[in-house]
Protein backbone atom coordinates (compact mmCIF):
# COMPACT_ATOMS: atom_id res chain seq x y z
CA UNK A 1 0.00 0.00 0.00
CA UNK A 2 1.31 3.45 -0.89
CA UNK A 3 2.08 5.73 2.02
CA UNK A 4 1.20 9.44 1.98
CA UNK A 5 4.16 11.70 1.27
CA UNK A 6 3.54 13.48 4.57
CA UNK A 7 1.29 12.63 7.49
CA UNK A 8 -1.59 15.05 8.08
CA UNK A 9 0.01 16.18 11.37
CA UNK A 10 2.96 17.60 9.44
CA UNK A 11 0.98 20.51 7.92
CA UNK A 12 2.04 23.74 9.63
CA UNK A 13 0.41 27.19 9.90
CA UNK A 14 2.88 28.51 7.30
CA UNK A 15 2.18 25.63 4.85
CA UNK A 16 0.74 26.76 1.54
CA UNK A 17 -1.63 24.05 0.29
CA UNK A 18 -1.68 23.90 -3.53
CA UNK A 19 -3.94 21.92 -5.84
CA UNK A 20 -1.96 19.47 -7.96
CA UNK A 21 -1.55 20.29 -11.65
CA UNK A 22 -2.73 16.76 -12.46
CA UNK A 23 -6.24 17.48 -11.14
CA UNK A 24 -9.16 18.79 -13.18
CA UNK A 25 -12.04 20.31 -11.19
CA UNK A 26 -15.60 20.80 -12.40
CA UNK A 27 -18.55 22.33 -10.57
CA UNK A 28 -21.54 19.97 -10.29
CA UNK A 29 -24.56 21.43 -8.51
CA UNK A 30 -23.44 22.25 -4.94
CA UNK A 31 -20.19 20.28 -5.09
CA UNK A 32 -16.88 20.24 -6.92
CA UNK A 33 -15.90 17.04 -8.71
CA UNK A 34 -12.19 16.34 -9.03
CA UNK A 35 -10.56 14.08 -11.59
CA UNK A 36 -7.00 13.00 -10.90
CA UNK A 37 -5.63 12.61 -14.42
CA UNK A 38 -2.81 10.24 -13.47
CA UNK A 39 -4.96 7.73 -11.60
CA UNK A 40 -8.28 8.32 -13.37
CA UNK A 41 -10.00 8.49 -9.98
CA UNK A 42 -12.88 10.88 -9.22
CA UNK A 43 -13.51 12.68 -5.95
CA UNK A 44 -16.29 14.99 -4.76
CA UNK A 45 -16.17 17.79 -2.19
CA UNK A 46 -19.11 19.73 -0.75
CA UNK A 47 -19.57 22.58 1.71
CA UNK A 48 -16.46 23.47 3.65
CA UNK A 49 -14.41 20.86 1.77
CA UNK A 50 -15.33 22.55 -1.50
CA UNK A 51 -14.39 25.96 -0.09
CA UNK A 52 -11.09 24.69 1.28
CA UNK A 53 -10.31 23.23 -2.17
CA UNK A 54 -10.97 26.64 -3.77
CA UNK A 55 -8.61 28.34 -1.31
CA UNK A 56 -5.74 25.86 -1.81
CA UNK A 57 -3.99 28.06 -4.36
CA UNK A 58 -0.41 27.73 -3.11
CA UNK A 59 -0.44 31.40 -2.07
CA UNK A 60 -2.58 31.37 1.07
CA UNK A 61 -1.15 29.80 4.19
CA UNK A 62 -2.94 27.11 6.14
CA UNK A 63 -3.64 29.69 8.87
CA UNK A 64 -5.15 32.14 6.36
CA UNK A 65 -7.42 29.44 4.94
CA UNK A 66 -8.54 28.41 8.42
CA UNK A 67 -9.44 32.02 9.26
CA UNK A 68 -11.32 32.52 5.98
CA UNK A 69 -13.35 29.31 6.32
CA UNK A 70 -14.03 29.96 10.01
CA UNK A 71 -15.31 33.47 9.25
CA UNK A 72 -17.31 32.38 6.20
CA UNK A 73 -19.06 29.44 7.87
CA UNK A 74 -19.23 30.83 11.43
CA UNK A 75 -17.27 27.87 12.76
CA UNK A 76 -14.73 27.68 15.56
CA UNK A 77 -11.16 27.93 14.20
CA UNK A 78 -10.11 24.85 16.20
CA UNK A 79 -12.87 22.80 14.55
CA UNK A 80 -11.97 24.11 11.09
CA UNK A 81 -8.29 23.34 11.73
CA UNK A 82 -9.00 19.74 12.77
CA UNK A 83 -11.30 19.15 9.79
CA UNK A 84 -8.89 20.84 7.40
CA UNK A 85 -5.90 18.81 8.59
CA UNK A 86 -7.89 15.61 8.07
CA UNK A 87 -9.02 16.72 4.61
CA UNK A 88 -5.52 17.82 3.57
CA UNK A 89 -4.10 14.50 4.76
CA UNK A 90 -6.66 12.64 2.63
CA UNK A 91 -6.16 14.89 -0.42
CA UNK A 92 -2.40 14.64 -0.14
CA UNK A 93 -2.52 10.83 0.15
CA UNK A 94 -4.42 10.78 -3.17
CA UNK A 95 -1.93 13.14 -4.85
CA UNK A 96 -4.44 16.01 -5.10
CA UNK A 97 -2.60 18.64 -3.03
CA UNK A 98 0.91 19.40 -1.80
CA UNK A 99 2.66 22.11 0.17
CA UNK A 100 3.89 24.88 -2.18
CA UNK A 101 6.37 26.41 0.25
C-alpha atoms as a PDB file:
ATOM      1  CA  UNK A   1       0.000   0.000   0.000  1.00  0.00           C
ATOM      2  CA  UNK A   2       1.314   3.453  -0.892  1.00  0.00           C
ATOM      3  CA  UNK A   3       2.078   5.734   2.024  1.00  0.00           C
ATOM      4  CA  UNK A   4       1.200   9.438   1.976  1.00  0.00           C
ATOM      5  CA  UNK A   5       4.162  11.702   1.269  1.00  0.00           C
ATOM      6  CA  UNK A   6       3.539  13.484   4.575  1.00  0.00           C
ATOM      7  CA  UNK A   7       1.292  12.633   7.487  1.00  0.00           C
ATOM      8  CA  UNK A   8      -1.586  15.050   8.080  1.00  0.00           C
ATOM      9  CA  UNK A   9       0.012  16.178  11.369  1.00  0.00           C
ATOM     10  CA  UNK A  10       2.957  17.603   9.437  1.00  0.00           C
ATOM     11  CA  UNK A  11       0.984  20.510   7.918  1.00  0.00           C
ATOM     12  CA  UNK A  12       2.043  23.742   9.635  1.00  0.00           C
ATOM     13  CA  UNK A  13       0.408  27.193   9.899  1.00  0.00           C
ATOM     14  CA  UNK A  14       2.880  28.508   7.301  1.00  0.00           C
ATOM     15  CA  UNK A  15       2.185  25.628   4.854  1.00  0.00           C
ATOM     16  CA  UNK A  16       0.742  26.765   1.539  1.00  0.00           C
ATOM     17  CA  UNK A  17      -1.627  24.047   0.286  1.00  0.00           C
ATOM     18  CA  UNK A  18      -1.684  23.900  -3.526  1.00  0.00           C
ATOM     19  CA  UNK A  19      -3.943  21.922  -5.836  1.00  0.00           C
ATOM     20  CA  UNK A  20      -1.965  19.466  -7.960  1.00  0.00           C
ATOM     21  CA  UNK A  21      -1.550  20.288 -11.646  1.00  0.00           C
ATOM     22  CA  UNK A  22      -2.730  16.760 -12.457  1.00  0.00           C
ATOM     23  CA  UNK A  23      -6.240  17.480 -11.142  1.00  0.00           C
ATOM     24  CA  UNK A  24      -9.159  18.789 -13.178  1.00  0.00           C
ATOM     25  CA  UNK A  25     -12.036  20.310 -11.191  1.00  0.00           C
ATOM     26  CA  UNK A  26     -15.602  20.796 -12.401  1.00  0.00           C
ATOM     27  CA  UNK A  27     -18.552  22.326 -10.573  1.00  0.00           C
ATOM     28  CA  UNK A  28     -21.537  19.967 -10.293  1.00  0.00           C
ATOM     29  CA  UNK A  29     -24.560  21.425  -8.507  1.00  0.00           C
ATOM     30  CA  UNK A  30     -23.445  22.248  -4.943  1.00  0.00           C
ATOM     31  CA  UNK A  31     -20.188  20.277  -5.090  1.00  0.00           C
ATOM     32  CA  UNK A  32     -16.879  20.243  -6.921  1.00  0.00           C
ATOM     33  CA  UNK A  33     -15.903  17.040  -8.714  1.00  0.00           C
ATOM     34  CA  UNK A  34     -12.192  16.344  -9.029  1.00  0.00           C
ATOM     35  CA  UNK A  35     -10.557  14.077 -11.592  1.00  0.00           C
ATOM     36  CA  UNK A  36      -6.996  12.998 -10.897  1.00  0.00           C
ATOM     37  CA  UNK A  37      -5.633  12.611 -14.423  1.00  0.00           C
ATOM     38  CA  UNK A  38      -2.815  10.236 -13.471  1.00  0.00           C
ATOM     39  CA  UNK A  39      -4.961   7.727 -11.596  1.00  0.00           C
ATOM     40  CA  UNK A  40      -8.281   8.316 -13.367  1.00  0.00           C
ATOM     41  CA  UNK A  41     -10.004   8.494  -9.982  1.00  0.00           C
ATOM     42  CA  UNK A  42     -12.878  10.882  -9.223  1.00  0.00           C
ATOM     43  CA  UNK A  43     -13.508  12.683  -5.949  1.00  0.00           C
ATOM     44  CA  UNK A  44     -16.287  14.990  -4.760  1.00  0.00           C
ATOM     45  CA  UNK A  45     -16.172  17.793  -2.187  1.00  0.00           C
ATOM     46  CA  UNK A  46     -19.106  19.729  -0.755  1.00  0.00           C
ATOM     47  CA  UNK A  47     -19.574  22.584   1.705  1.00  0.00           C
ATOM     48  CA  UNK A  48     -16.457  23.473   3.647  1.00  0.00           C
ATOM     49  CA  UNK A  49     -14.410  20.856   1.766  1.00  0.00           C
ATOM     50  CA  UNK A  50     -15.331  22.551  -1.501  1.00  0.00           C
ATOM     51  CA  UNK A  51     -14.394  25.959  -0.091  1.00  0.00           C
ATOM     52  CA  UNK A  52     -11.090  24.691   1.277  1.00  0.00           C
ATOM     53  CA  UNK A  53     -10.308  23.234  -2.174  1.00  0.00           C
ATOM     54  CA  UNK A  54     -10.969  26.640  -3.766  1.00  0.00           C
ATOM     55  CA  UNK A  55      -8.612  28.339  -1.308  1.00  0.00           C
ATOM     56  CA  UNK A  56      -5.742  25.858  -1.806  1.00  0.00           C
ATOM     57  CA  UNK A  57      -3.993  28.057  -4.362  1.00  0.00           C
ATOM     58  CA  UNK A  58      -0.414  27.732  -3.112  1.00  0.00           C
ATOM     59  CA  UNK A  59      -0.436  31.397  -2.072  1.00  0.00           C
ATOM     60  CA  UNK A  60      -2.577  31.372   1.075  1.00  0.00           C
ATOM     61  CA  UNK A  61      -1.152  29.804   4.193  1.00  0.00           C
ATOM     62  CA  UNK A  62      -2.936  27.113   6.144  1.00  0.00           C
ATOM     63  CA  UNK A  63      -3.636  29.686   8.874  1.00  0.00           C
ATOM     64  CA  UNK A  64      -5.152  32.144   6.365  1.00  0.00           C
ATOM     65  CA  UNK A  65      -7.421  29.440   4.940  1.00  0.00           C
ATOM     66  CA  UNK A  66      -8.541  28.408   8.420  1.00  0.00           C
ATOM     67  CA  UNK A  67      -9.442  32.024   9.263  1.00  0.00           C
ATOM     68  CA  UNK A  68     -11.320  32.524   5.976  1.00  0.00           C
ATOM     69  CA  UNK A  69     -13.346  29.315   6.320  1.00  0.00           C
ATOM     70  CA  UNK A  70     -14.026  29.955  10.007  1.00  0.00           C
ATOM     71  CA  UNK A  71     -15.314  33.466   9.248  1.00  0.00           C
ATOM     72  CA  UNK A  72     -17.312  32.380   6.203  1.00  0.00           C
ATOM     73  CA  UNK A  73     -19.063  29.441   7.875  1.00  0.00           C
ATOM     74  CA  UNK A  74     -19.226  30.831  11.428  1.00  0.00           C
ATOM     75  CA  UNK A  75     -17.274  27.867  12.765  1.00  0.00           C
ATOM     76  CA  UNK A  76     -14.725  27.684  15.561  1.00  0.00           C
ATOM     77  CA  UNK A  77     -11.157  27.931  14.202  1.00  0.00           C
ATOM     78  CA  UNK A  78     -10.106  24.846  16.196  1.00  0.00           C
ATOM     79  CA  UNK A  79     -12.866  22.802  14.548  1.00  0.00           C
ATOM     80  CA  UNK A  80     -11.974  24.112  11.090  1.00  0.00           C
ATOM     81  CA  UNK A  81      -8.291  23.344  11.734  1.00  0.00           C
ATOM     82  CA  UNK A  82      -9.004  19.743  12.767  1.00  0.00           C
ATOM     83  CA  UNK A  83     -11.301  19.151   9.790  1.00  0.00           C
ATOM     84  CA  UNK A  84      -8.892  20.838   7.395  1.00  0.00           C
ATOM     85  CA  UNK A  85      -5.903  18.808   8.586  1.00  0.00           C
ATOM     86  CA  UNK A  86      -7.888  15.612   8.069  1.00  0.00           C
ATOM     87  CA  UNK A  87      -9.022  16.724   4.607  1.00  0.00           C
ATOM     88  CA  UNK A  88      -5.523  17.823   3.566  1.00  0.00           C
ATOM     89  CA  UNK A  89      -4.104  14.502   4.757  1.00  0.00           C
ATOM     90  CA  UNK A  90      -6.660  12.637   2.628  1.00  0.00           C
ATOM     91  CA  UNK A  91      -6.162  14.886  -0.417  1.00  0.00           C
ATOM     92  CA  UNK A  92      -2.396  14.640  -0.143  1.00  0.00           C
ATOM     93  CA  UNK A  93      -2.519  10.834   0.146  1.00  0.00           C
ATOM     94  CA  UNK A  94      -4.420  10.783  -3.168  1.00  0.00           C
ATOM     95  CA  UNK A  95      -1.931  13.142  -4.845  1.00  0.00           C
ATOM     96  CA  UNK A  96      -4.440  16.005  -5.104  1.00  0.00           C
ATOM     97  CA  UNK A  97      -2.597  18.644  -3.025  1.00  0.00           C
ATOM     98  CA  UNK A  98       0.905  19.400  -1.801  1.00  0.00           C
ATOM     99  CA  UNK A  99       2.661  22.111   0.172  1.00  0.00           C
ATOM    100  CA  UNK A 100       3.894  24.884  -2.176  1.00  0.00           C
ATOM    101  CA  UNK A 101       6.375  26.406   0.249  1.00  0.00           C
END
